[in-house]
Amino acid sequence: MMMLFTLLYILAFAGIAIGSDIDDAAGTLLMVISGFWAMFGWIPFLGLKVLRPQEALVLTLFGKYKGTLKGDGFYWVNPFCTAVNPAANTKLRQSGDVNSEVAKKVAAGAVINPDTGMPMQKIDKKISLKIMTLDNNKQKINDCLGNPVEIGIAVIWRVVDTAKAVFDVDNYKEYLSLQCDTALRNIVRLYPYDVAPNIDTTGDGLADEGSLRGSSEIVAQRIRDEIQDKVTNAGIEIIEARITYLAYAPEIAAAMLQRQQASAVVDARKLIVDGAVGMVEMALEQLSEKNVVELDDERKAAMVSNLLVVLCGNHDAQPIVNSGSLY
C-alpha cells in the first residue's frame, strides 16, 4: 500500500505537469484529479502501522470495535481507524513503565514540558503483550491476631485479551493495582505473622501452623489466585505473585522483638532443664549401680539440688571442697 500511494503521488505530479500543457477539457480534468490527490493523498498514509514483537493495537472505526493487530510487521488499515488504549499514559511501579532519566531524553533532543518538567512525547497507544512485573507499594495490614504488619508483593502479569483490557475496564493498569491491594488485604488477614496456636488459616475448621513468615509460598499462591479471579474480566493473566517485603509495623516492632527474644530464652531454658534432669538421673543411677556411695533421701535431694544449680546456671559454678567428714 505504501508503494501504491507513493506511485499515485508520482503520477499526480506528472498529471499536473502534463495537464498544464493540454488546453482542452481533458487536460483540465487531469489537473483537477491530480491536484486533488496531491492535496489529500497523504490521508491513506495515516493507515500505515508498524508493530514490534509482543505489541498489539486495538482499533475502532467511528466508535465501533474493528479488531486488534498482533504480531510484528508493517500493516495498513483504514486511515480513519483510531487506536484505543486508556492506560497508555498510566505510569505504575512496574517493569514496562520504568522511564529513563529526564537528562538522557534531553540529551537525545526531547522538549521539556514547562508545566510538568517531563519530556513532551507522543502517547503510544500500543498495548504491550510482554510479561511485566508490578511492584506495589508496601501496605500496613492487620493479621488475624490484630497485629499490624507491613507487606509488599510483586505481581508478574501480562495482557492476554486486548479487547477486554481496553473496553471492559476503564484503565486496566489501575484496575490491576487496585485488585492487588484488595487481594493482599483479604489473604493477609487470614494468617498470623508467626505461628500461633488455635488459628485456622485454611478454612477447614482445624488449627494449623500456617503463618505469613513460615508459609510465604502458600500465601503468595493464594494471593495470586485471588488476584486472578478479579482480573480475568480485564483480559489479564497473573503468572506469579511473590512477597517482597514482610515485617512488623514500626509501632510494635520493638515489642514483638522482645516477645520473640523471651520465647527463645524460654525454649532454651526448657531444653537446658530437660538435659540437666536427664544427667542428674543418670548420675544417681550409676552411683547406685556401682555402689560408689550410699546416699539417703536427704543427701540425694541435696545432690540433685547442687547438680541442677551447676548444670542450669548461667555462669560457671565455683566449687567448694569439703575436707571434713561426709556426715
C-alpha atoms as a PDB file:
ATOM      1  CA  MET A   1       0.000   0.000   0.000  1.00  0.00           C
ATOM      2  CA  MET A   2       2.828   2.392   0.750  1.00  0.00           C
ATOM      3  CA  MET A   3       4.354   1.711  -2.663  1.00  0.00           C
ATOM      4  CA  LEU A   4       0.951   2.187  -4.311  1.00  0.00           C
ATOM      5  CA  PHE A   5       0.314   5.540  -2.602  1.00  0.00           C
ATOM      6  CA  THR A   6       3.820   6.723  -3.441  1.00  0.00           C
ATOM      7  CA  LEU A   7       3.314   5.751  -7.072  1.00  0.00           C
ATOM      8  CA  LEU A   8       0.000   7.620  -7.130  1.00  0.00           C
ATOM      9  CA  TYR A   9       1.757  10.718  -5.803  1.00  0.00           C
ATOM     10  CA  ILE A  10       4.338  10.474  -8.572  1.00  0.00           C
ATOM     11  CA  LEU A  11       1.554  10.094 -11.124  1.00  0.00           C
ATOM     12  CA  ALA A  12      -0.305  13.038  -9.609  1.00  0.00           C
ATOM     13  CA  PHE A  13       2.652  15.384 -10.027  1.00  0.00           C
ATOM     14  CA  ALA A  14       3.201  14.043 -13.520  1.00  0.00           C
ATOM     15  CA  GLY A  15      -0.519  14.559 -14.290  1.00  0.00           C
ATOM     16  CA  ILE A  16      -0.334  18.160 -13.111  1.00  0.00           C
ATOM     17  CA  ALA A  17       2.658  18.778 -15.358  1.00  0.00           C
ATOM     18  CA  ILE A  18       1.031  17.081 -18.351  1.00  0.00           C
ATOM     19  CA  GLY A  19      -2.394  18.671 -17.780  1.00  0.00           C
ATOM     20  CA  SER A  20      -0.901  22.133 -17.721  1.00  0.00           C
ATOM     21  CA  ASP A  21       0.317  21.585 -21.276  1.00  0.00           C
ATOM     22  CA  ILE A  22      -3.136  20.495 -22.533  1.00  0.00           C
ATOM     23  CA  ASP A  23      -5.688  23.281 -23.138  1.00  0.00           C
ATOM     24  CA  ASP A  24      -8.827  21.172 -23.581  1.00  0.00           C
ATOM     25  CA  ALA A  25     -11.266  19.762 -21.021  1.00  0.00           C
ATOM     26  CA  ALA A  26      -9.268  16.529 -20.668  1.00  0.00           C
ATOM     27  CA  GLY A  27      -6.232  18.477 -19.511  1.00  0.00           C
ATOM     28  CA  THR A  28      -8.317  20.403 -17.008  1.00  0.00           C
ATOM     29  CA  LEU A  29      -9.866  17.201 -15.645  1.00  0.00           C
ATOM     30  CA  LEU A  30      -6.433  15.597 -15.365  1.00  0.00           C
ATOM     31  CA  MET A  31      -5.150  18.583 -13.441  1.00  0.00           C
ATOM     32  CA  VAL A  32      -8.137  18.569 -11.067  1.00  0.00           C
ATOM     33  CA  ILE A  33      -7.796  14.860 -10.310  1.00  0.00           C
ATOM     34  CA  SER A  34      -4.017  15.090  -9.895  1.00  0.00           C
ATOM     35  CA  GLY A  35      -4.315  18.188  -7.737  1.00  0.00           C
ATOM     36  CA  PHE A  36      -6.928  16.547  -5.524  1.00  0.00           C
ATOM     37  CA  TRP A  37      -4.621  13.596  -4.858  1.00  0.00           C
ATOM     38  CA  ALA A  38      -1.666  15.891  -4.297  1.00  0.00           C
ATOM     39  CA  MET A  39      -3.615  17.742  -1.587  1.00  0.00           C
ATOM     40  CA  PHE A  40      -5.329  14.803   0.114  1.00  0.00           C
ATOM     41  CA  GLY A  41      -3.192  11.814  -0.854  1.00  0.00           C
ATOM     42  CA  TRP A  42      -1.396  11.960   2.494  1.00  0.00           C
ATOM     43  CA  ILE A  43      -4.513  10.684   4.304  1.00  0.00           C
ATOM     44  CA  PRO A  44      -4.082   6.999   3.275  1.00  0.00           C
ATOM     45  CA  PHE A  45      -0.538   7.127   4.635  1.00  0.00           C
ATOM     46  CA  LEU A  46      -2.072   7.507   8.117  1.00  0.00           C
ATOM     47  CA  GLY A  47      -3.207   3.892   7.884  1.00  0.00           C
ATOM     48  CA  LEU A  48       0.375   2.568   7.857  1.00  0.00           C
ATOM     49  CA  LYS A  49       1.209   0.922  11.205  1.00  0.00           C
ATOM     50  CA  VAL A  50       4.431  -0.664  12.451  1.00  0.00           C
ATOM     51  CA  LEU A  51       4.320  -3.185  15.295  1.00  0.00           C
ATOM     52  CA  ARG A  52       7.296  -4.605  17.142  1.00  0.00           C
ATOM     53  CA  PRO A  53       7.300  -8.105  18.686  1.00  0.00           C
ATOM     54  CA  GLN A  54       4.847  -8.594  21.554  1.00  0.00           C
ATOM     55  CA  GLU A  55       2.825  -5.486  20.747  1.00  0.00           C
ATOM     56  CA  ALA A  56      -0.847  -5.063  19.845  1.00  0.00           C
ATOM     57  CA  LEU A  57      -3.046  -2.281  18.542  1.00  0.00           C
ATOM     58  CA  VAL A  58      -6.775  -2.121  19.317  1.00  0.00           C
ATOM     59  CA  LEU A  59      -8.618  -0.289  16.509  1.00  0.00           C
ATOM     60  CA  THR A  60     -12.034   1.367  16.383  1.00  0.00           C
ATOM     61  CA  LEU A  61     -13.785   2.993  13.453  1.00  0.00           C
ATOM     62  CA  PHE A  62     -16.256   5.762  14.342  1.00  0.00           C
ATOM     63  CA  GLY A  63     -16.690   4.269  17.801  1.00  0.00           C
ATOM     64  CA  LYS A  64     -17.078   0.621  16.726  1.00  0.00           C
ATOM     65  CA  TYR A  65     -14.504  -2.027  17.556  1.00  0.00           C
ATOM     66  CA  LYS A  66     -12.942  -3.318  14.343  1.00  0.00           C
ATOM     67  CA  GLY A  67     -10.204  -5.642  15.549  1.00  0.00           C
ATOM     68  CA  THR A  68      -6.744  -5.957  17.033  1.00  0.00           C
ATOM     69  CA  LEU A  69      -3.413  -6.028  15.225  1.00  0.00           C
ATOM     70  CA  LYS A  70      -0.989  -8.530  16.742  1.00  0.00           C
ATOM     71  CA  GLY A  71       2.416  -9.710  15.654  1.00  0.00           C
ATOM     72  CA  ASP A  72       5.432  -7.777  14.478  1.00  0.00           C
ATOM     73  CA  GLY A  73       5.283  -6.323  10.981  1.00  0.00           C
ATOM     74  CA  PHE A  74       4.213  -3.467   8.710  1.00  0.00           C
ATOM     75  CA  TYR A  75       0.435  -3.080   8.298  1.00  0.00           C
ATOM     76  CA  TRP A  76      -2.040  -0.855   6.525  1.00  0.00           C
ATOM     77  CA  VAL A  77      -5.501  -0.286   7.965  1.00  0.00           C
ATOM     78  CA  ASN A  78      -8.331   2.104   7.290  1.00  0.00           C
ATOM     79  CA  PRO A  79      -6.749   5.529   7.877  1.00  0.00           C
ATOM     80  CA  PHE A  80      -9.854   6.650   9.777  1.00  0.00           C
ATOM     81  CA  CYS A  81      -9.374   3.876  12.360  1.00  0.00           C
ATOM     82  CA  THR A  82      -8.153   5.116  15.712  1.00  0.00           C
ATOM     83  CA  ALA A  83      -6.089   3.220  18.268  1.00  0.00           C
ATOM     84  CA  VAL A  84      -7.537   2.899  21.774  1.00  0.00           C
ATOM     85  CA  ASN A  85      -5.547   2.406  24.964  1.00  0.00           C
ATOM     86  CA  PRO A  86      -6.896   4.160  28.093  1.00  0.00           C
ATOM     87  CA  ALA A  87      -3.826   3.089  30.087  1.00  0.00           C
ATOM     88  CA  ALA A  88      -1.291   4.440  27.600  1.00  0.00           C
ATOM     89  CA  ASN A  89      -0.276   7.315  29.861  1.00  0.00           C
ATOM     90  CA  THR A  90      -0.578   5.453  33.171  1.00  0.00           C
ATOM     91  CA  LYS A  91       2.715   5.001  34.994  1.00  0.00           C
ATOM     92  CA  LEU A  92       2.906   2.443  37.774  1.00  0.00           C
ATOM     93  CA  ARG A  93       5.869   0.922  39.605  1.00  0.00           C
ATOM     94  CA  GLN A  94       6.307  -1.856  37.071  1.00  0.00           C
ATOM     95  CA  SER A  95       8.879  -3.028  34.581  1.00  0.00           C
ATOM     96  CA  GLY A  96       7.091  -1.817  31.470  1.00  0.00           C
ATOM     97  CA  ASP A  97       6.612   1.708  32.828  1.00  0.00           C
ATOM     98  CA  VAL A  98      10.074   2.467  34.146  1.00  0.00           C
ATOM     99  CA  ASN A  99      11.108   5.714  32.472  1.00  0.00           C
ATOM    100  CA  SER A 100      14.690   6.555  31.675  1.00  0.00           C
ATOM    101  CA  GLU A 101      16.184   9.641  33.219  1.00  0.00           C
ATOM    102  CA  VAL A 102      14.972  13.006  32.008  1.00  0.00           C
ATOM    103  CA  ALA A 103      18.524  14.105  31.362  1.00  0.00           C
ATOM    104  CA  LYS A 104      19.066  11.310  28.885  1.00  0.00           C
ATOM    105  CA  LYS A 105      15.949  12.314  26.968  1.00  0.00           C
ATOM    106  CA  VAL A 106      17.011  15.943  26.940  1.00  0.00           C
ATOM    107  CA  ALA A 107      20.386  14.908  25.587  1.00  0.00           C
ATOM    108  CA  ALA A 108      18.578  12.996  22.850  1.00  0.00           C
ATOM    109  CA  GLY A 109      16.732  16.159  21.810  1.00  0.00           C
ATOM    110  CA  ALA A 110      13.459  15.865  23.730  1.00  0.00           C
ATOM    111  CA  VAL A 111      11.488  19.013  24.538  1.00  0.00           C
ATOM    112  CA  ILE A 112      10.657  19.613  28.218  1.00  0.00           C
ATOM    113  CA  ASN A 113       7.107  20.496  29.241  1.00  0.00           C
ATOM    114  CA  PRO A 114       7.381  23.617  31.466  1.00  0.00           C
ATOM    115  CA  ASP A 115       4.295  22.617  33.498  1.00  0.00           C
ATOM    116  CA  THR A 116       5.319  19.071  34.420  1.00  0.00           C
ATOM    117  CA  GLY A 117       9.066  19.208  33.948  1.00  0.00           C
ATOM    118  CA  MET A 118       8.892  15.979  31.939  1.00  0.00           C
ATOM    119  CA  PRO A 119       9.820  15.450  28.305  1.00  0.00           C
ATOM    120  CA  MET A 120       6.971  16.061  25.870  1.00  0.00           C
ATOM    121  CA  GLN A 121       6.381  12.979  23.784  1.00  0.00           C
ATOM    122  CA  LYS A 122       3.646  11.437  21.726  1.00  0.00           C
ATOM    123  CA  ILE A 123       1.435   8.998  23.626  1.00  0.00           C
ATOM    124  CA  ASP A 124       1.921   5.488  22.284  1.00  0.00           C
ATOM    125  CA  LYS A 125      -1.435   3.691  22.043  1.00  0.00           C
ATOM    126  CA  LYS A 126       0.135   0.269  21.540  1.00  0.00           C
ATOM    127  CA  ILE A 127      -0.570  -2.388  24.158  1.00  0.00           C
ATOM    128  CA  SER A 128       2.378  -4.411  25.372  1.00  0.00           C
ATOM    129  CA  LEU A 129       1.847  -8.169  25.429  1.00  0.00           C
ATOM    130  CA  LYS A 130       5.120  -8.745  27.261  1.00  0.00           C
ATOM    131  CA  ILE A 131       5.403 -10.217  30.730  1.00  0.00           C
ATOM    132  CA  MET A 132       5.621  -7.332  33.203  1.00  0.00           C
ATOM    133  CA  THR A 133       6.222  -7.048  36.929  1.00  0.00           C
ATOM    134  CA  LEU A 134       4.073  -4.819  39.121  1.00  0.00           C
ATOM    135  CA  ASP A 135       5.789  -3.856  42.369  1.00  0.00           C
ATOM    136  CA  ASN A 136       3.000  -2.496  44.529  1.00  0.00           C
ATOM    137  CA  ASN A 137       3.703  -0.178  47.432  1.00  0.00           C
ATOM    138  CA  LYS A 138       4.084  -1.612  50.912  1.00  0.00           C
ATOM    139  CA  GLN A 139       0.838  -1.783  52.867  1.00  0.00           C
ATOM    140  CA  LYS A 140       0.093  -1.828  56.571  1.00  0.00           C
ATOM    141  CA  ILE A 141      -2.390  -4.628  57.272  1.00  0.00           C
ATOM    142  CA  ASN A 142      -3.592  -6.265  60.483  1.00  0.00           C
ATOM    143  CA  ASP A 143      -3.004 -10.012  60.610  1.00  0.00           C
ATOM    144  CA  CYS A 144      -5.530 -12.447  62.077  1.00  0.00           C
ATOM    145  CA  LEU A 145      -4.333 -11.616  65.593  1.00  0.00           C
ATOM    146  CA  GLY A 146      -4.745  -7.887  65.056  1.00  0.00           C
ATOM    147  CA  ASN A 147      -1.023  -7.149  64.879  1.00  0.00           C
ATOM    148  CA  PRO A 148      -0.171  -4.524  62.218  1.00  0.00           C
ATOM    149  CA  VAL A 149       2.344  -5.789  59.678  1.00  0.00           C
ATOM    150  CA  GLU A 150       3.881  -4.172  56.629  1.00  0.00           C
ATOM    151  CA  ILE A 151       3.895  -6.298  53.490  1.00  0.00           C
ATOM    152  CA  GLY A 152       4.691  -5.759  49.828  1.00  0.00           C
ATOM    153  CA  ILE A 153       4.209  -8.009  46.813  1.00  0.00           C
ATOM    154  CA  ALA A 154       5.492  -8.247  43.256  1.00  0.00           C
ATOM    155  CA  VAL A 155       2.975  -9.480  40.687  1.00  0.00           C
ATOM    156  CA  ILE A 156       4.118 -10.879  37.339  1.00  0.00           C
ATOM    157  CA  TRP A 157       1.376 -10.393  34.732  1.00  0.00           C
ATOM    158  CA  ARG A 158       0.567  -9.885  31.076  1.00  0.00           C
ATOM    159  CA  VAL A 159      -2.346  -8.940  28.833  1.00  0.00           C
ATOM    160  CA  VAL A 160      -3.921 -11.919  27.044  1.00  0.00           C
ATOM    161  CA  ASP A 161      -7.151 -10.349  25.752  1.00  0.00           C
ATOM    162  CA  THR A 162      -6.630  -6.827  24.453  1.00  0.00           C
ATOM    163  CA  ALA A 163     -10.297  -6.154  23.745  1.00  0.00           C
ATOM    164  CA  LYS A 164     -11.305  -6.934  27.347  1.00  0.00           C
ATOM    165  CA  ALA A 165      -8.399  -4.920  28.711  1.00  0.00           C
ATOM    166  CA  VAL A 166      -9.448  -1.845  26.726  1.00  0.00           C
ATOM    167  CA  PHE A 167     -13.243  -1.994  26.750  1.00  0.00           C
ATOM    168  CA  ASP A 168     -14.315  -3.971  29.843  1.00  0.00           C
ATOM    169  CA  VAL A 169     -12.497  -1.807  32.404  1.00  0.00           C
ATOM    170  CA  ASP A 170     -11.721   1.890  32.469  1.00  0.00           C
ATOM    171  CA  ASN A 171      -7.953   1.559  32.966  1.00  0.00           C
ATOM    172  CA  TYR A 172      -6.581  -1.955  33.164  1.00  0.00           C
ATOM    173  CA  LYS A 173      -3.315  -0.941  34.864  1.00  0.00           C
ATOM    174  CA  GLU A 174      -5.019   0.953  37.674  1.00  0.00           C
ATOM    175  CA  TYR A 175      -7.619  -1.810  37.902  1.00  0.00           C
ATOM    176  CA  LEU A 176      -4.857  -4.401  38.349  1.00  0.00           C
ATOM    177  CA  SER A 177      -3.102  -2.328  41.000  1.00  0.00           C
ATOM    178  CA  LEU A 178      -6.342  -1.874  42.978  1.00  0.00           C
ATOM    179  CA  GLN A 179      -7.177  -5.582  42.809  1.00  0.00           C
ATOM    180  CA  CYS A 180      -3.675  -6.440  44.020  1.00  0.00           C
ATOM    181  CA  ASP A 181      -4.193  -4.239  47.090  1.00  0.00           C
ATOM    182  CA  THR A 182      -7.594  -5.773  47.788  1.00  0.00           C
ATOM    183  CA  ALA A 183      -6.441  -9.379  47.368  1.00  0.00           C
ATOM    184  CA  LEU A 184      -3.424  -8.745  49.580  1.00  0.00           C
ATOM    185  CA  ARG A 185      -5.630  -7.482  52.400  1.00  0.00           C
ATOM    186  CA  ASN A 186      -8.100 -10.350  52.038  1.00  0.00           C
ATOM    187  CA  ILE A 187      -5.388 -13.019  52.327  1.00  0.00           C
ATOM    188  CA  VAL A 188      -3.060 -11.444  54.895  1.00  0.00           C
ATOM    189  CA  ARG A 189      -5.879 -11.014  57.436  1.00  0.00           C
ATOM    190  CA  LEU A 190      -6.291 -14.814  57.464  1.00  0.00           C
ATOM    191  CA  TYR A 191      -2.737 -15.516  58.685  1.00  0.00           C
ATOM    192  CA  PRO A 192      -0.736 -14.608  61.780  1.00  0.00           C
ATOM    193  CA  TYR A 193       2.699 -13.138  61.297  1.00  0.00           C
ATOM    194  CA  ASP A 194       4.285 -16.083  63.088  1.00  0.00           C
ATOM    195  CA  VAL A 195       2.953 -19.489  64.101  1.00  0.00           C
ATOM    196  CA  ALA A 196       0.190 -19.109  66.702  1.00  0.00           C
ATOM    197  CA  PRO A 197      -1.949 -21.759  68.467  1.00  0.00           C
ATOM    198  CA  ASN A 198      -5.611 -22.383  67.616  1.00  0.00           C
ATOM    199  CA  ILE A 199      -5.506 -20.487  64.307  1.00  0.00           C
ATOM    200  CA  ASP A 200      -7.256 -21.863  61.218  1.00  0.00           C
ATOM    201  CA  THR A 201      -5.741 -20.362  58.067  1.00  0.00           C
ATOM    202  CA  THR A 202      -7.153 -22.818  55.516  1.00  0.00           C
ATOM    203  CA  GLY A 203     -10.835 -22.574  56.406  1.00  0.00           C
ATOM    204  CA  ASP A 204     -11.275 -26.289  57.111  1.00  0.00           C
ATOM    205  CA  GLY A 205     -12.133 -25.714  60.783  1.00  0.00           C
ATOM    206  CA  LEU A 206      -8.888 -27.255  62.046  1.00  0.00           C
ATOM    207  CA  ALA A 207      -5.999 -25.367  63.629  1.00  0.00           C
ATOM    208  CA  ASP A 208      -2.800 -25.434  61.592  1.00  0.00           C
ATOM    209  CA  GLU A 209       0.697 -23.955  61.635  1.00  0.00           C
ATOM    210  CA  GLY A 210       0.263 -21.540  58.737  1.00  0.00           C
ATOM    211  CA  SER A 211       1.882 -18.121  59.053  1.00  0.00           C
ATOM    212  CA  LEU A 212       2.991 -15.248  56.870  1.00  0.00           C
ATOM    213  CA  ARG A 213       6.632 -15.815  57.709  1.00  0.00           C
ATOM    214  CA  GLY A 214       6.697 -19.598  57.519  1.00  0.00           C
ATOM    215  CA  SER A 215       4.191 -20.215  54.697  1.00  0.00           C
ATOM    216  CA  SER A 216       5.207 -17.498  52.265  1.00  0.00           C
ATOM    217  CA  GLU A 217       4.889 -19.783  49.224  1.00  0.00           C
ATOM    218  CA  ILE A 218       1.340 -20.810  50.129  1.00  0.00           C
ATOM    219  CA  VAL A 219       0.348 -17.233  50.967  1.00  0.00           C
ATOM    220  CA  ALA A 220       1.769 -15.975  47.661  1.00  0.00           C
ATOM    221  CA  GLN A 221      -0.125 -18.659  45.729  1.00  0.00           C
ATOM    222  CA  ARG A 222      -3.391 -17.741  47.437  1.00  0.00           C
ATOM    223  CA  ILE A 223      -2.775 -14.065  46.675  1.00  0.00           C
ATOM    224  CA  ARG A 224      -2.101 -14.961  43.038  1.00  0.00           C
ATOM    225  CA  ASP A 225      -5.337 -16.969  42.775  1.00  0.00           C
ATOM    226  CA  GLU A 226      -7.305 -14.180  44.452  1.00  0.00           C
ATOM    227  CA  ILE A 227      -5.977 -11.570  42.019  1.00  0.00           C
ATOM    228  CA  GLN A 228      -6.584 -13.829  39.009  1.00  0.00           C
ATOM    229  CA  ASP A 229     -10.240 -14.261  39.950  1.00  0.00           C
ATOM    230  CA  LYS A 230     -10.657 -10.479  39.999  1.00  0.00           C
ATOM    231  CA  VAL A 231      -8.785  -9.546  36.797  1.00  0.00           C
ATOM    232  CA  THR A 232      -9.962 -12.278  34.432  1.00  0.00           C
ATOM    233  CA  ASN A 233     -12.703  -9.970  33.163  1.00  0.00           C
ATOM    234  CA  ALA A 234      -9.990  -7.441  32.256  1.00  0.00           C
ATOM    235  CA  GLY A 235      -8.152  -9.857  29.966  1.00  0.00           C
ATOM    236  CA  ILE A 236      -5.136 -10.112  32.291  1.00  0.00           C
ATOM    237  CA  GLU A 237      -3.264 -13.273  33.262  1.00  0.00           C
ATOM    238  CA  ILE A 238      -1.439 -13.395  36.601  1.00  0.00           C
ATOM    239  CA  ILE A 239       1.626 -15.581  36.164  1.00  0.00           C
ATOM    240  CA  GLU A 240       3.069 -15.335  39.649  1.00  0.00           C
ATOM    241  CA  ALA A 241       2.910 -13.360  42.879  1.00  0.00           C
ATOM    242  CA  ARG A 242       5.756 -13.058  45.359  1.00  0.00           C
ATOM    243  CA  ILE A 243       6.101 -11.460  48.791  1.00  0.00           C
ATOM    244  CA  THR A 244       8.940  -8.945  48.556  1.00  0.00           C
ATOM    245  CA  TYR A 245       8.742  -7.344  51.997  1.00  0.00           C
ATOM    246  CA  LEU A 246       7.371  -8.550  55.338  1.00  0.00           C
ATOM    247  CA  ALA A 247       7.880  -7.003  58.763  1.00  0.00           C
ATOM    248  CA  TYR A 248       6.009  -5.863  61.833  1.00  0.00           C
ATOM    249  CA  ALA A 249       4.827  -2.263  61.736  1.00  0.00           C
ATOM    250  CA  PRO A 250       7.300   0.133  63.418  1.00  0.00           C
ATOM    251  CA  GLU A 251       4.959   0.893  66.334  1.00  0.00           C
ATOM    252  CA  ILE A 252       5.031  -2.718  67.576  1.00  0.00           C
ATOM    253  CA  ALA A 253       8.305  -3.971  66.095  1.00  0.00           C
ATOM    254  CA  ALA A 254      10.279  -3.416  69.342  1.00  0.00           C
ATOM    255  CA  ALA A 255       7.655  -5.142  71.497  1.00  0.00           C
ATOM    256  CA  MET A 256       7.429  -8.102  69.143  1.00  0.00           C
ATOM    257  CA  LEU A 257      11.222  -8.411  69.111  1.00  0.00           C
ATOM    258  CA  GLN A 258      11.235  -8.609  72.901  1.00  0.00           C
ATOM    259  CA  ARG A 259       8.489 -11.211  72.727  1.00  0.00           C
ATOM    260  CA  GLN A 260      10.490 -13.315  70.282  1.00  0.00           C
ATOM    261  CA  GLN A 261      13.589 -12.989  72.443  1.00  0.00           C
ATOM    262  CA  ALA A 262      11.652 -14.031  75.538  1.00  0.00           C
ATOM    263  CA  SER A 263      10.191 -17.009  73.699  1.00  0.00           C
ATOM    264  CA  ALA A 264      13.665 -18.039  72.564  1.00  0.00           C
ATOM    265  CA  VAL A 265      15.018 -17.738  76.116  1.00  0.00           C
ATOM    266  CA  VAL A 266      12.164 -19.878  77.490  1.00  0.00           C
ATOM    267  CA  ASP A 267      12.706 -22.551  74.860  1.00  0.00           C
ATOM    268  CA  ALA A 268      16.439 -22.581  75.551  1.00  0.00           C
ATOM    269  CA  ARG A 269      15.886 -22.858  79.316  1.00  0.00           C
ATOM    270  CA  LYS A 270      13.440 -25.685  78.801  1.00  0.00           C
ATOM    271  CA  LEU A 271      15.990 -27.585  76.750  1.00  0.00           C
ATOM    272  CA  ILE A 272      18.683 -26.983  79.381  1.00  0.00           C
ATOM    273  CA  VAL A 273      16.446 -28.167  82.217  1.00  0.00           C
ATOM    274  CA  ASP A 274      15.417 -31.316  80.315  1.00  0.00           C
ATOM    275  CA  GLY A 275      19.067 -32.144  79.723  1.00  0.00           C
ATOM    276  CA  ALA A 276      20.070 -31.393  83.304  1.00  0.00           C
ATOM    277  CA  VAL A 277      17.336 -33.626  84.740  1.00  0.00           C
ATOM    278  CA  GLY A 278      18.490 -36.463  82.500  1.00  0.00           C
ATOM    279  CA  MET A 279      22.098 -36.013  83.569  1.00  0.00           C
ATOM    280  CA  VAL A 280      21.186 -35.975  87.268  1.00  0.00           C
ATOM    281  CA  GLU A 281      19.052 -39.091  86.871  1.00  0.00           C
ATOM    282  CA  MET A 282      21.879 -40.858  85.055  1.00  0.00           C
ATOM    283  CA  ALA A 283      24.399 -39.864  87.762  1.00  0.00           C
ATOM    284  CA  LEU A 284      22.223 -41.219  90.573  1.00  0.00           C
ATOM    285  CA  GLU A 285      21.574 -44.461  88.723  1.00  0.00           C
ATOM    286  CA  GLN A 286      25.273 -45.073  88.055  1.00  0.00           C
ATOM    287  CA  LEU A 287      26.268 -44.262  91.653  1.00  0.00           C
ATOM    288  CA  SER A 288      23.655 -46.723  92.875  1.00  0.00           C
ATOM    289  CA  GLU A 289      24.569 -49.477  90.421  1.00  0.00           C
ATOM    290  CA  LYS A 290      28.327 -49.302  91.091  1.00  0.00           C
ATOM    291  CA  ASN A 291      27.869 -48.898  94.856  1.00  0.00           C
ATOM    292  CA  VAL A 292      30.249 -45.960  94.882  1.00  0.00           C
ATOM    293  CA  VAL A 293      28.447 -44.352  97.792  1.00  0.00           C
ATOM    294  CA  GLU A 294      25.181 -44.926  99.619  1.00  0.00           C
ATOM    295  CA  LEU A 295      23.017 -41.849  99.960  1.00  0.00           C
ATOM    296  CA  ASP A 296      19.811 -41.429 101.896  1.00  0.00           C
ATOM    297  CA  ASP A 297      16.896 -39.424 100.544  1.00  0.00           C
ATOM    298  CA  GLU A 298      18.059 -36.205 102.186  1.00  0.00           C
ATOM    299  CA  ARG A 299      21.557 -36.493 100.727  1.00  0.00           C
ATOM    300  CA  LYS A 300      20.136 -37.395  97.306  1.00  0.00           C
ATOM    301  CA  ALA A 301      17.922 -34.294  97.416  1.00  0.00           C
ATOM    302  CA  ALA A 302      20.919 -32.123  98.263  1.00  0.00           C
ATOM    303  CA  MET A 303      22.958 -33.696  95.477  1.00  0.00           C
ATOM    304  CA  VAL A 304      20.149 -33.202  92.943  1.00  0.00           C
ATOM    305  CA  SER A 305      19.798 -29.569  94.015  1.00  0.00           C
ATOM    306  CA  ASN A 306      23.537 -28.913  93.679  1.00  0.00           C
ATOM    307  CA  LEU A 307      23.776 -30.608  90.291  1.00  0.00           C
ATOM    308  CA  LEU A 308      20.787 -28.702  88.908  1.00  0.00           C
ATOM    309  CA  VAL A 309      22.266 -25.414  90.110  1.00  0.00           C
ATOM    310  CA  VAL A 310      25.572 -26.223  88.396  1.00  0.00           C
ATOM    311  CA  LEU A 311      24.018 -27.505  85.158  1.00  0.00           C
ATOM    312  CA  CYS A 312      21.310 -24.833  84.784  1.00  0.00           C
ATOM    313  CA  GLY A 313      23.316 -21.794  85.872  1.00  0.00           C
ATOM    314  CA  ASN A 314      24.291 -19.004  83.511  1.00  0.00           C
ATOM    315  CA  HIS A 315      27.854 -18.887  84.846  1.00  0.00           C
ATOM    316  CA  ASP A 316      30.431 -21.476  85.718  1.00  0.00           C
ATOM    317  CA  ALA A 317      29.997 -22.841  89.246  1.00  0.00           C
ATOM    318  CA  GLN A 318      32.627 -22.135  91.925  1.00  0.00           C
ATOM    319  CA  PRO A 319      33.090 -25.499  93.735  1.00  0.00           C
ATOM    320  CA  ILE A 320      33.579 -25.699  97.484  1.00  0.00           C
ATOM    321  CA  VAL A 321      35.614 -28.713  98.616  1.00  0.00           C
ATOM    322  CA  ASN A 322      34.566 -30.336 101.908  1.00  0.00           C
ATOM    323  CA  SER A 323      37.712 -31.581 103.679  1.00  0.00           C
ATOM    324  CA  GLY A 324      35.842 -32.988 106.661  1.00  0.00           C
ATOM    325  CA  SER A 325      33.608 -35.975 107.079  1.00  0.00           C
ATOM    326  CA  LEU A 326      30.699 -36.539 104.755  1.00  0.00           C
ATOM    327  CA  TYR A 327      28.424 -36.869 107.802  1.00  0.00           C
END
